[in-house]
Amino acid sequence: MTRTIAIQQRKGGATKSTTAAEVTLALARAGKRVLAIDLDEARALSVRMGFGAYDVPEMTSLDLLDGAEATACTVESPAIPGVDVIQGDPAWMRCQTWP
């Protein structure tokens, strides 16, 4: 059976990424297959999964939301064996118009 666990809260600094990372780690250690999807442009969950803060991959969660196949956006976590990750995308940085 497939289960989906979503951790969301509008307020910043509410430990969403920390909670998601800890749940991911616990499930992986229990032998569960886990896909962590980071939808935050700050990429905090991606960083906790072992990716560099500024090393944005070619395919991210933004591509997934734009219709890309999940398998094309998924990479293996370098920090937690057995966990796949779809990394967040700091697209807002590329889209901002600064005065």
PDB file of N, CA and C in Angstrom:
ATOM      1  N   MET A   1       0.837  -1.169   0.000  1.00  0.00           N
ATOM      2  CA  MET A   1       0.000   0.000   0.000  1.00  0.00           C
ATOM      3  C   MET A   1       0.892   1.247   0.000  1.00  0.00           C
ATOM      4  N   THR A   2       0.522   2.228  -0.799  1.00  0.00           N
ATOM      5  CA  THR A   2       1.249   3.494  -0.869  1.00  0.00           C
ATOM      6  C   THR A   2       0.598   4.501   0.062  1.00  0.00           C
ATOM      7  N   ARG A   3       1.432   5.207   0.820  1.00  0.00           N
ATOM      8  CA  ARG A   3       0.936   6.257   1.704  1.00  0.00           C
ATOM      9  C   ARG A   3       1.654   7.547   1.372  1.00  0.00           C
ATOM     10  N   THR A   4       0.931   8.631   1.489  1.00  0.00           N
ATOM     11  CA  THR A   4       1.507   9.947   1.266  1.00  0.00           C
ATOM     12  C   THR A   4       1.469  10.712   2.578  1.00  0.00           C
ATOM     13  N   ILE A   5       2.613  11.264   2.955  1.00  0.00           N
ATOM     14  CA  ILE A   5       2.698  12.094   4.152  1.00  0.00           C
ATOM     15  C   ILE A   5       3.111  13.483   3.685  1.00  0.00           C
ATOM     16  N   ALA A   6       2.283  14.469   3.947  1.00  0.00           N
ATOM     17  CA  ALA A   6       2.587  15.850   3.570  1.00  0.00           C
ATOM     18  C   ALA A   6       2.780  16.671   4.830  1.00  0.00           C
ATOM     19  N   ILE A   7       3.842  17.469   4.842  1.00  0.00           N
ATOM     20  CA  ILE A   7       4.117  18.352   5.968  1.00  0.00           C
ATOM     21  C   ILE A   7       4.082  19.770   5.432  1.00  0.00           C
ATOM     22  N   GLN A   8       3.092  20.522   5.871  1.00  0.00           N
ATOM     23  CA  GLN A   8       2.944  21.885   5.357  1.00  0.00           C
ATOM     24  C   GLN A   8       2.504  22.819   6.458  1.00  0.00           C
ATOM     25  N   GLN A   9       2.880  24.064   6.290  1.00  0.00           N
ATOM     26  CA  GLN A   9       2.519  25.132   7.210  1.00  0.00           C
ATOM     27  C   GLN A   9       2.925  26.420   6.511  1.00  0.00           C
ATOM     28  N   ARG A  10       2.099  27.413   6.547  1.00  0.00           N
ATOM     29  CA  ARG A  10       2.398  28.659   5.830  1.00  0.00           C
ATOM     30  C   ARG A  10       3.484  29.479   6.505  1.00  0.00           C
ATOM     31  N   LYS A  11       3.599  29.382   7.804  1.00  0.00           N
ATOM     32  CA  LYS A  11       4.542  30.193   8.548  1.00  0.00           C
ATOM     33  C   LYS A  11       5.976  29.712   8.319  1.00  0.00           C
ATOM     34  N   GLY A  12       6.867  30.614   8.066  1.00  0.00           N
ATOM     35  CA  GLY A  12       8.276  30.270   7.952  1.00  0.00           C
ATOM     36  C   GLY A  12       8.853  29.947   9.320  1.00  0.00           C
ATOM     37  N   GLY A  13       9.861  29.093   9.353  1.00  0.00           N
ATOM     38  CA  GLY A  13      10.520  28.761  10.606  1.00  0.00           C
ATOM     39  C   GLY A  13       9.710  27.866  11.519  1.00  0.00           C
ATOM     40  N   ALA A  14       8.784  27.112  10.962  1.00  0.00           N
ATOM     41  CA  ALA A  14       7.919  26.249  11.778  1.00  0.00           C
ATOM     42  C   ALA A  14       8.445  24.813  11.830  1.00  0.00           C
ATOM     43  N   THR A  15       9.676  24.578  11.457  1.00  0.00           N
ATOM     44  CA  THR A  15      10.377  23.282  11.445  1.00  0.00           C
ATOM     45  C   THR A  15       9.797  22.277  10.452  1.00  0.00           C
ATOM     46  N   LYS A  16       9.224  22.763   9.355  1.00  0.00           N
ATOM     47  CA  LYS A  16       8.678  21.851   8.344  1.00  0.00           C
ATOM     48  C   LYS A  16       9.774  20.984   7.727  1.00  0.00           C
ATOM     49  N   SER A  17      10.859  21.592   7.298  1.00  0.00           N
ATOM     50  CA  SER A  17      11.932  20.844   6.639  1.00  0.00           C
ATOM     51  C   SER A  17      12.597  19.876   7.602  1.00  0.00           C
ATOM     52  N   THR A  18      12.803  20.303   8.824  1.00  0.00           N
ATOM     53  CA  THR A  18      13.401  19.424   9.826  1.00  0.00           C
ATOM     54  C   THR A  18      12.503  18.222  10.087  1.00  0.00           C
ATOM     55  N   THR A  19      11.212  18.461  10.251  1.00  0.00           N
ATOM     56  CA  THR A  19      10.269  17.371  10.479  1.00  0.00           C
ATOM     57  C   THR A  19      10.232  16.428   9.287  1.00  0.00           C
ATOM     58  N   ALA A  20      10.172  16.983   8.076  1.00  0.00           N
ATOM     59  CA  ALA A  20      10.145  16.144   6.872  1.00  0.00           C
ATOM     60  C   ALA A  20      11.411  15.314   6.757  1.00  0.00           C
ATOM     61  N   ALA A  21      12.559  15.899   7.069  1.00  0.00           N
ATOM     62  CA  ALA A  21      13.824  15.163   6.993  1.00  0.00           C
ATOM     63  C   ALA A  21      13.865  14.039   8.025  1.00  0.00           C
ATOM     64  N   GLU A  22      13.394  14.298   9.223  1.00  0.00           N
ATOM     65  CA  GLU A  22      13.404  13.275  10.276  1.00  0.00           C
ATOM     66  C   GLU A  22      12.435  12.138   9.965  1.00  0.00           C
ATOM     67  N   VAL A  23      11.260  12.463   9.438  1.00  0.00           N
ATOM     68  CA  VAL A  23      10.300  11.425   9.040  1.00  0.00           C
ATOM     69  C   VAL A  23      10.881  10.597   7.897  1.00  0.00           C
ATOM     70  N   THR A  24      11.516  11.256   6.945  1.00  0.00           N
ATOM     71  CA  THR A  24      12.155  10.559   5.823  1.00  0.00           C
ATOM     72  C   THR A  24      13.216   9.599   6.327  1.00  0.00           C
ATOM     73  N   LEU A  25      14.086  10.066   7.214  1.00  0.00           N
ATOM     74  CA  LEU A  25      15.144   9.225   7.770  1.00  0.00           C
ATOM     75  C   LEU A  25      14.568   8.031   8.520  1.00  0.00           C
ATOM     76  N   ALA A  26      13.552   8.272   9.346  1.00  0.00           N
ATOM     77  CA  ALA A  26      12.939   7.183  10.121  1.00  0.00           C
ATOM     78  C   ALA A  26      12.323   6.129   9.206  1.00  0.00           C
ATOM     79  N   LEU A  27      11.626   6.572   8.169  1.00  0.00           N
ATOM     80  CA  LEU A  27      11.013   5.616   7.241  1.00  0.00           C
ATOM     81  C   LEU A  27      12.074   4.830   6.474  1.00  0.00           C
ATOM     82  N   ALA A  28      13.133   5.498   6.053  1.00  0.00           N
ATOM     83  CA  ALA A  28      14.210   4.806   5.332  1.00  0.00           C
ATOM     84  C   ALA A  28      14.883   3.778   6.229  1.00  0.00           C
ATOM     85  N   ARG A  29      15.127   4.136   7.469  1.00  0.00           N
ATOM     86  CA  ARG A  29      15.741   3.183   8.416  1.00  0.00           C
ATOM     87  C   ARG A  29      14.829   2.003   8.702  1.00  0.00           C
ATOM     88  N   ALA A  30      13.519   2.208   8.565  1.00  0.00           N
ATOM     89  CA  ALA A  30      12.556   1.118   8.767  1.00  0.00           C
ATOM     90  C   ALA A  30      12.405   0.265   7.512  1.00  0.00           C
ATOM     91  N   GLY A  31      13.202   0.591   6.478  1.00  0.00           N
ATOM     92  CA  GLY A  31      13.170  -0.204   5.255  1.00  0.00           C
ATOM     93  C   GLY A  31      12.106   0.210   4.258  1.00  0.00           C
ATOM     94  N   LYS A  32      11.492   1.350   4.473  1.00  0.00           N
ATOM     95  CA  LYS A  32      10.448   1.829   3.564  1.00  0.00           C
ATOM     96  C   LYS A  32      11.076   2.544   2.371  1.00  0.00           C
ATOM     97  N   ARG A  33      10.392   2.502   1.273  1.00  0.00           N
ATOM     98  CA  ARG A  33      10.798   3.230   0.078  1.00  0.00           C
ATOM     99  C   ARG A  33      10.267   4.654   0.200  1.00  0.00           C
ATOM    100  N   VAL A  34      11.136   5.651   0.059  1.00  0.00           N
ATOM    101  CA  VAL A  34      10.743   7.029   0.322  1.00  0.00           C
ATOM    102  C   VAL A  34      11.120   7.928  -0.856  1.00  0.00           C
ATOM    103  N   LEU A  35      10.192   8.804  -1.224  1.00  0.00           N
ATOM    104  CA  LEU A  35      10.446   9.868  -2.179  1.00  0.00           C
ATOM    105  C   LEU A  35      10.146  11.175  -1.465  1.00  0.00           C
ATOM    106  N   ALA A  36      11.173  12.001  -1.263  1.00  0.00           N
ATOM    107  CA  ALA A  36      11.013  13.306  -0.625  1.00  0.00           C
ATOM    108  C   ALA A  36      10.938  14.358  -1.719  1.00  0.00           C
ATOM    109  N   ILE A  37       9.893  15.162  -1.691  1.00  0.00           N
ATOM    110  CA  ILE A  37       9.710  16.217  -2.694  1.00  0.00           C
ATOM    111  C   ILE A  37       9.798  17.566  -1.999  1.00  0.00           C
ATOM    112  N   ASP A  38      10.794  18.344  -2.384  1.00  0.00           N
ATOM    113  CA  ASP A  38      11.020  19.671  -1.813  1.00  0.00           C
ATOM    114  C   ASP A  38      10.354  20.707  -2.716  1.00  0.00           C
ATOM    115  N   LEU A  39       9.327  21.366  -2.210  1.00  0.00           N
ATOM    116  CA  LEU A  39       8.609  22.365  -2.991  1.00  0.00           C
ATOM    117  C   LEU A  39       8.950  23.788  -2.565  1.00  0.00           C
ATOM    118  N   ASP A  40       9.966  23.926  -1.730  1.00  0.00           N
ATOM    119  CA  ASP A  40      10.335  25.230  -1.201  1.00  0.00           C
ATOM    120  C   ASP A  40      11.503  25.812  -1.982  1.00  0.00           C
ATOM    121  N   GLU A  41      11.386  27.075  -2.356  1.00  0.00           N
ATOM    122  CA  GLU A  41      12.475  27.699  -3.104  1.00  0.00           C
ATOM    123  C   GLU A  41      13.723  27.876  -2.249  1.00  0.00           C
ATOM    124  N   ALA A  42      13.605  27.791  -0.938  1.00  0.00           N
ATOM    125  CA  ALA A  42      14.777  27.885  -0.060  1.00  0.00           C
ATOM    126  C   ALA A  42      15.595  26.586  -0.072  1.00  0.00           C
ATOM    127  N   ARG A  43      15.012  25.475  -0.562  1.00  0.00           N
ATOM    128  CA  ARG A  43      15.694  24.198  -0.724  1.00  0.00           C
ATOM    129  C   ARG A  43      16.173  23.576   0.594  1.00  0.00           C
ATOM    130  N   ALA A  44      15.560  23.925   1.709  1.00  0.00           N
ATOM    131  CA  ALA A  44      16.025  23.426   3.001  1.00  0.00           C
ATOM    132  C   ALA A  44      15.960  21.900   3.087  1.00  0.00           C
ATOM    133  N   LEU A  45      14.907  21.292   2.580  1.00  0.00           N
ATOM    134  CA  LEU A  45      14.820  19.834   2.616  1.00  0.00           C
ATOM    135  C   LEU A  45      15.870  19.217   1.692  1.00  0.00           C
ATOM    136  N   SER A  46      16.077  19.802   0.531  1.00  0.00           N
ATOM    137  CA  SER A  46      17.100  19.290  -0.392  1.00  0.00           C
ATOM    138  C   SER A  46      18.478  19.311   0.268  1.00  0.00           C
ATOM    139  N   VAL A  47      18.779  20.393   0.973  1.00  0.00           N
ATOM    140  CA  VAL A  47      20.066  20.505   1.662  1.00  0.00           C
ATOM    141  C   VAL A  47      20.169  19.453   2.755  1.00  0.00           C
ATOM    142  N   ARG A  48      19.098  19.244   3.502  1.00  0.00           N
ATOM    143  CA  ARG A  48      19.105  18.222   4.559  1.00  0.00           C
ATOM    144  C   ARG A  48      19.239  16.812   3.987  1.00  0.00           C
ATOM    145  N   MET A  49      18.829  16.641   2.749  1.00  0.00           N
ATOM    146  CA  MET A  49      18.968  15.337   2.097  1.00  0.00           C
ATOM    147  C   MET A  49      20.368  15.142   1.509  1.00  0.00           C
ATOM    148  N   GLY A  50      21.249  16.150   1.661  1.00  0.00           N
ATOM    149  CA  GLY A  50      22.641  15.991   1.271  1.00  0.00           C
ATOM    150  C   GLY A  50      23.090  16.733   0.029  1.00  0.00           C
ATOM    151  N   PHE A  51      22.238  17.577  -0.516  1.00  0.00           N
ATOM    152  CA  PHE A  51      22.592  18.326  -1.719  1.00  0.00           C
ATOM    153  C   PHE A  51      23.091  19.717  -1.343  1.00  0.00           C
ATOM    154  N   GLY A  52      23.954  20.285  -2.166  1.00  0.00           N
ATOM    155  CA  GLY A  52      24.472  21.620  -1.910  1.00  0.00           C
ATOM    156  C   GLY A  52      23.389  22.673  -2.039  1.00  0.00           C
ATOM    157  N   ALA A  53      23.504  23.703  -1.227  1.00  0.00           N
ATOM    158  CA  ALA A  53      22.497  24.760  -1.217  1.00  0.00           C
ATOM    159  C   ALA A  53      22.384  25.464  -2.560  1.00  0.00           C
ATOM    160  N   TYR A  54      23.494  25.553  -3.288  1.00  0.00           N
ATOM    161  CA  TYR A  54      23.493  26.279  -4.553  1.00  0.00           C
ATOM    162  C   TYR A  54      23.688  25.374  -5.760  1.00  0.00           C
ATOM    163  N   ASP A  55      23.712  24.074  -5.560  1.00  0.00           N
ATOM    164  CA  ASP A  55      23.875  23.112  -6.647  1.00  0.00           C
ATOM    165  C   ASP A  55      22.509  22.642  -7.111  1.00  0.00           C
ATOM    166  N   VAL A  56      21.834  23.459  -7.905  1.00  0.00           N
ATOM    167  CA  VAL A  56      20.489  23.133  -8.375  1.00  0.00           C
ATOM    168  C   VAL A  56      20.606  22.203  -9.582  1.00  0.00           C
ATOM    169  N   PRO A  57      19.921  21.059  -9.540  1.00  0.00           N
ATOM    170  CA  PRO A  57      20.000  20.119 -10.657  1.00  0.00           C
ATOM    171  C   PRO A  57      19.224  20.623 -11.875  1.00  0.00           C
ATOM    172  N   GLU A  58      19.400  19.924 -12.962  1.00  0.00           N
ATOM    173  CA  GLU A  58      18.718  20.306 -14.202  1.00  0.00           C
ATOM    174  C   GLU A  58      17.197  20.205 -14.068  1.00  0.00           C
ATOM    175  N   MET A  59      16.708  19.186 -13.370  1.00  0.00           N
ATOM    176  CA  MET A  59      15.266  18.979 -13.188  1.00  0.00           C
ATOM    177  C   MET A  59      14.936  19.097 -11.700  1.00  0.00           C
ATOM    178  N   THR A  60      13.922  19.886 -11.388  1.00  0.00           N
ATOM    179  CA  THR A  60      13.533  20.129  -9.999  1.00  0.00           C
ATOM    180  C   THR A  60      12.025  19.951  -9.828  1.00  0.00           C
ATOM    181  N   SER A  61      11.551  20.266  -8.627  1.00  0.00           N
ATOM    182  CA  SER A  61      10.113  20.174  -8.363  1.00  0.00           C
ATOM    183  C   SER A  61       9.323  21.160  -9.221  1.00  0.00           C
ATOM    184  N   LEU A  62       9.945  22.235  -9.625  1.00  0.00           N
ATOM    185  CA  LEU A  62       9.266  23.181 -10.519  1.00  0.00           C
ATOM    186  C   LEU A  62       8.972  22.521 -11.861  1.00  0.00           C
ATOM    187  N   ASP A  63       9.911  21.725 -12.368  1.00  0.00           N
ATOM    188  CA  ASP A  63       9.680  20.983 -13.609  1.00  0.00           C
ATOM    189  C   ASP A  63       8.567  19.955 -13.426  1.00  0.00           C
ATOM    190  N   LEU A  64       8.551  19.311 -12.261  1.00  0.00           N
ATOM    191  CA  LEU A  64       7.490  18.349 -11.961  1.00  0.00           C
ATOM    192  C   LEU A  64       6.127  19.028 -12.002  1.00  0.00           C
ATOM    193  N   LEU A  65       6.028  20.197 -11.391  1.00  0.00           N
ATOM    194  CA  LEU A  65       4.767  20.938 -11.394  1.00  0.00           C
ATOM    195  C   LEU A  65       4.391  21.428 -12.785  1.00  0.00           C
ATOM    196  N   ASP A  66       5.392  21.603 -13.635  1.00  0.00           N
ATOM    197  CA  ASP A  66       5.154  22.020 -15.022  1.00  0.00           C
ATOM    198  C   ASP A  66       4.830  20.843 -15.936  1.00  0.00           C
ATOM    199  N   GLY A  67       4.779  19.620 -15.384  1.00  0.00           N
ATOM    200  CA  GLY A  67       4.358  18.467 -16.164  1.00  0.00           C
ATOM    201  C   GLY A  67       5.423  17.447 -16.497  1.00  0.00           C
ATOM    202  N   ALA A  68       6.647  17.647 -16.022  1.00  0.00           N
ATOM    203  CA  ALA A  68       7.705  16.669 -16.285  1.00  0.00           C
ATOM    204  C   ALA A  68       7.417  15.366 -15.543  1.00  0.00           C
ATOM    205  N   GLU A  69       7.920  14.270 -16.076  1.00  0.00           N
ATOM    206  CA  GLU A  69       7.768  12.971 -15.422  1.00  0.00           C
ATOM    207  C   GLU A  69       8.540  12.977 -14.095  1.00  0.00           C
ATOM    208  N   ALA A  70       7.955  12.408 -13.061  1.00  0.00           N
ATOM    209  CA  ALA A  70       8.606  12.366 -11.750  1.00  0.00           C
ATOM    210  C   ALA A  70       9.951  11.657 -11.827  1.00  0.00           C
ATOM    211  N   THR A  71      10.026  10.595 -12.615  1.00  0.00           N
ATOM    212  CA  THR A  71      11.289   9.855 -12.704  1.00  0.00           C
ATOM    213  C   THR A  71      12.405  10.697 -13.305  1.00  0.00           C
ATOM    214  N   ALA A  72      12.071  11.661 -14.156  1.00  0.00           N
ATOM    215  CA  ALA A  72      13.089  12.526 -14.757  1.00  0.00           C
ATOM    216  C   ALA A  72      13.616  13.546 -13.752  1.00  0.00           C
ATOM    217  N   CYS A  73      12.837  13.835 -12.723  1.00  0.00           N
ATOM    218  CA  CYS A  73      13.212  14.846 -11.727  1.00  0.00           C
ATOM    219  C   CYS A  73      13.850  14.235 -10.482  1.00  0.00           C
ATOM    220  N   THR A  74      13.843  12.928 -10.376  1.00  0.00           N
ATOM    221  CA  THR A  74      14.249  12.242  -9.159  1.00  0.00           C
ATOM    222  C   THR A  74      15.727  11.886  -9.166  1.00  0.00           C
ATOM    223  N   VAL A  75      16.388  12.149  -8.039  1.00  0.00           N
ATOM    224  CA  VAL A  75      17.784  11.749  -7.847  1.00  0.00           C
ATOM    225  C   VAL A  75      17.909  11.084  -6.481  1.00  0.00           C
ATOM    226  N   GLU A  76      18.933  10.262  -6.330  1.00  0.00           N
ATOM    227  CA  GLU A  76      19.151   9.562  -5.073  1.00  0.00           C
ATOM    228  C   GLU A  76      19.821  10.488  -4.061  1.00  0.00           C
ATOM    229  N   SER A  77      19.373  10.434  -2.831  1.00  0.00           N
ATOM    230  CA  SER A  77      19.959  11.246  -1.772  1.00  0.00           C
ATOM    231  C   SER A  77      21.384  10.784  -1.485  1.00  0.00           C
ATOM    232  N   PRO A  78      22.356  11.708  -1.469  1.00  0.00           N
ATOM    233  CA  PRO A  78      23.710  11.311  -1.111  1.00  0.00           C
ATOM    234  C   PRO A  78      23.879  11.100   0.396  1.00  0.00           C
ATOM    235  N   ALA A  79      22.931  11.573   1.190  1.00  0.00           N
ATOM    236  CA  ALA A  79      23.050  11.496   2.642  1.00  0.00           C
ATOM    237  C   ALA A  79      22.278  10.340   3.263  1.00  0.00           C
ATOM    238  N   ILE A  80      21.164   9.936   2.641  1.00  0.00           N
ATOM    239  CA  ILE A  80      20.325   8.893   3.228  1.00  0.00           C
ATOM    240  C   ILE A  80      20.118   7.797   2.197  1.00  0.00           C
ATOM    241  N   PRO A  81      20.777   6.666   2.358  1.00  0.00           N
ATOM    242  CA  PRO A  81      20.624   5.570   1.407  1.00  0.00           C
ATOM    243  C   PRO A  81      19.177   5.112   1.287  1.00  0.00           C
ATOM    244  N   GLY A  82      18.751   4.854   0.060  1.00  0.00           N
ATOM    245  CA  GLY A  82      17.414   4.357  -0.183  1.00  0.00           C
ATOM    246  C   GLY A  82      16.347   5.427  -0.309  1.00  0.00           C
ATOM    247  N   VAL A  83      16.746   6.683  -0.248  1.00  0.00           N
ATOM    248  CA  VAL A  83      15.785   7.778  -0.363  1.00  0.00           C
ATOM    249  C   VAL A  83      15.998   8.497  -1.684  1.00  0.00           C
ATOM    250  N   ASP A  84      14.929   8.675  -2.426  1.00  0.00           N
ATOM    251  CA  ASP A  84      14.965   9.468  -3.647  1.00  0.00           C
ATOM    252  C   ASP A  84      14.413  10.851  -3.340  1.00  0.00           C
ATOM    253  N   VAL A  85      14.920  11.837  -4.068  1.00  0.00           N
ATOM    254  CA  VAL A  85      14.551  13.225  -3.794  1.00  0.00           C
ATOM    255  C   VAL A  85      14.239  13.952  -5.098  1.00  0.00           C
ATOM    256  N   ILE A  86      13.196  14.758  -5.058  1.00  0.00           N
ATOM    257  CA  ILE A  86      12.962  15.744  -6.108  1.00  0.00           C
ATOM    258  C   ILE A  86      13.260  17.079  -5.444  1.00  0.00           C
ATOM    259  N   GLN A  87      14.343  17.706  -5.887  1.00  0.00           N
ATOM    260  CA  GLN A  87      14.857  18.888  -5.209  1.00  0.00           C
ATOM    261  C   GLN A  87      14.037  20.146  -5.478  1.00  0.00           C
ATOM    262  N   GLY A  88      14.095  21.060  -4.521  1.00  0.00           N
ATOM    263  CA  GLY A  88      13.450  22.349  -4.667  1.00  0.00           C
ATOM    264  C   GLY A  88      14.173  23.202  -5.695  1.00  0.00           C
ATOM    265  N   ASP A  89      13.506  24.240  -6.148  1.00  0.00           N
ATOM    266  CA  ASP A  89      14.059  25.096  -7.196  1.00  0.00           C
ATOM    267  C   ASP A  89      13.950  26.556  -6.772  1.00  0.00           C
ATOM    268  N   PRO A  90      15.091  27.247  -6.667  1.00  0.00           N
ATOM    269  CA  PRO A  90      15.048  28.668  -6.302  1.00  0.00           C
ATOM    270  C   PRO A  90      14.685  29.541  -7.493  1.00  0.00           C
ATOM    271  N   ALA A  91      13.629  29.179  -8.205  1.00  0.00           N
ATOM    272  CA  ALA A  91      13.236  29.891  -9.422  1.00  0.00           C
ATOM    273  C   ALA A  91      12.953  31.356  -9.160  1.00  0.00           C
ATOM    274  N   TRP A  92      12.482  31.642  -7.978  1.00  0.00           N
ATOM    275  CA  TRP A  92      12.165  33.023  -7.658  1.00  0.00           C
ATOM    276  C   TRP A  92      13.402  33.901  -7.792  1.00  0.00           C
ATOM    277  N   MET A  93      14.605  33.340  -7.565  1.00  0.00           N
ATOM    278  CA  MET A  93      15.837  34.110  -7.701  1.00  0.00           C
ATOM    279  C   MET A  93      16.096  34.465  -9.165  1.00  0.00           C
ATOM    280  N   ARG A  94      15.749  33.562 -10.057  1.00  0.00           N
ATOM    281  CA  ARG A  94      15.963  33.801 -11.475  1.00  0.00           C
ATOM    282  C   ARG A  94      14.890  34.686 -12.084  1.00  0.00           C
ATOM    283  N   CYS A  95      13.734  34.754 -11.416  1.00  0.00           N
ATOM    284  CA  CYS A  95      12.603  35.495 -11.978  1.00  0.00           C
ATOM    285  C   CYS A  95      12.477  36.905 -11.427  1.00  0.00           C
ATOM    286  N   GLN A  96      13.210  37.216 -10.382  1.00  0.00           N
ATOM    287  CA  GLN A  96      13.086  38.529  -9.752  1.00  0.00           C
ATOM    288  C   GLN A  96      13.648  39.632 -10.652  1.00  0.00           C
ATOM    289  N   THR A  97      12.993  40.747 -10.655  1.00  0.00           N
ATOM    290  CA  THR A  97      13.499  41.942 -11.324  1.00  0.00           C
ATOM    291  C   THR A  97      13.929  42.910 -10.236  1.00  0.00           C
ATOM    292  N   TRP A  98      15.206  43.150 -10.157  1.00  0.00           N
ATOM    293  CA  TRP A  98      15.730  44.010  -9.116  1.00  0.00           C
ATOM    294  C   TRP A  98      15.880  45.432  -9.641  1.00  0.00           C
ATOM    295  N   PRO A  99      15.552  46.418  -8.815  1.00  0.00           N
ATOM    296  CA  PRO A  99      15.655  47.823  -9.256  1.00  0.00           C
ATOM    297  C   PRO A  99      17.098  48.242  -9.485  1.00  0.00           C
TER     298      PRO A  99
END
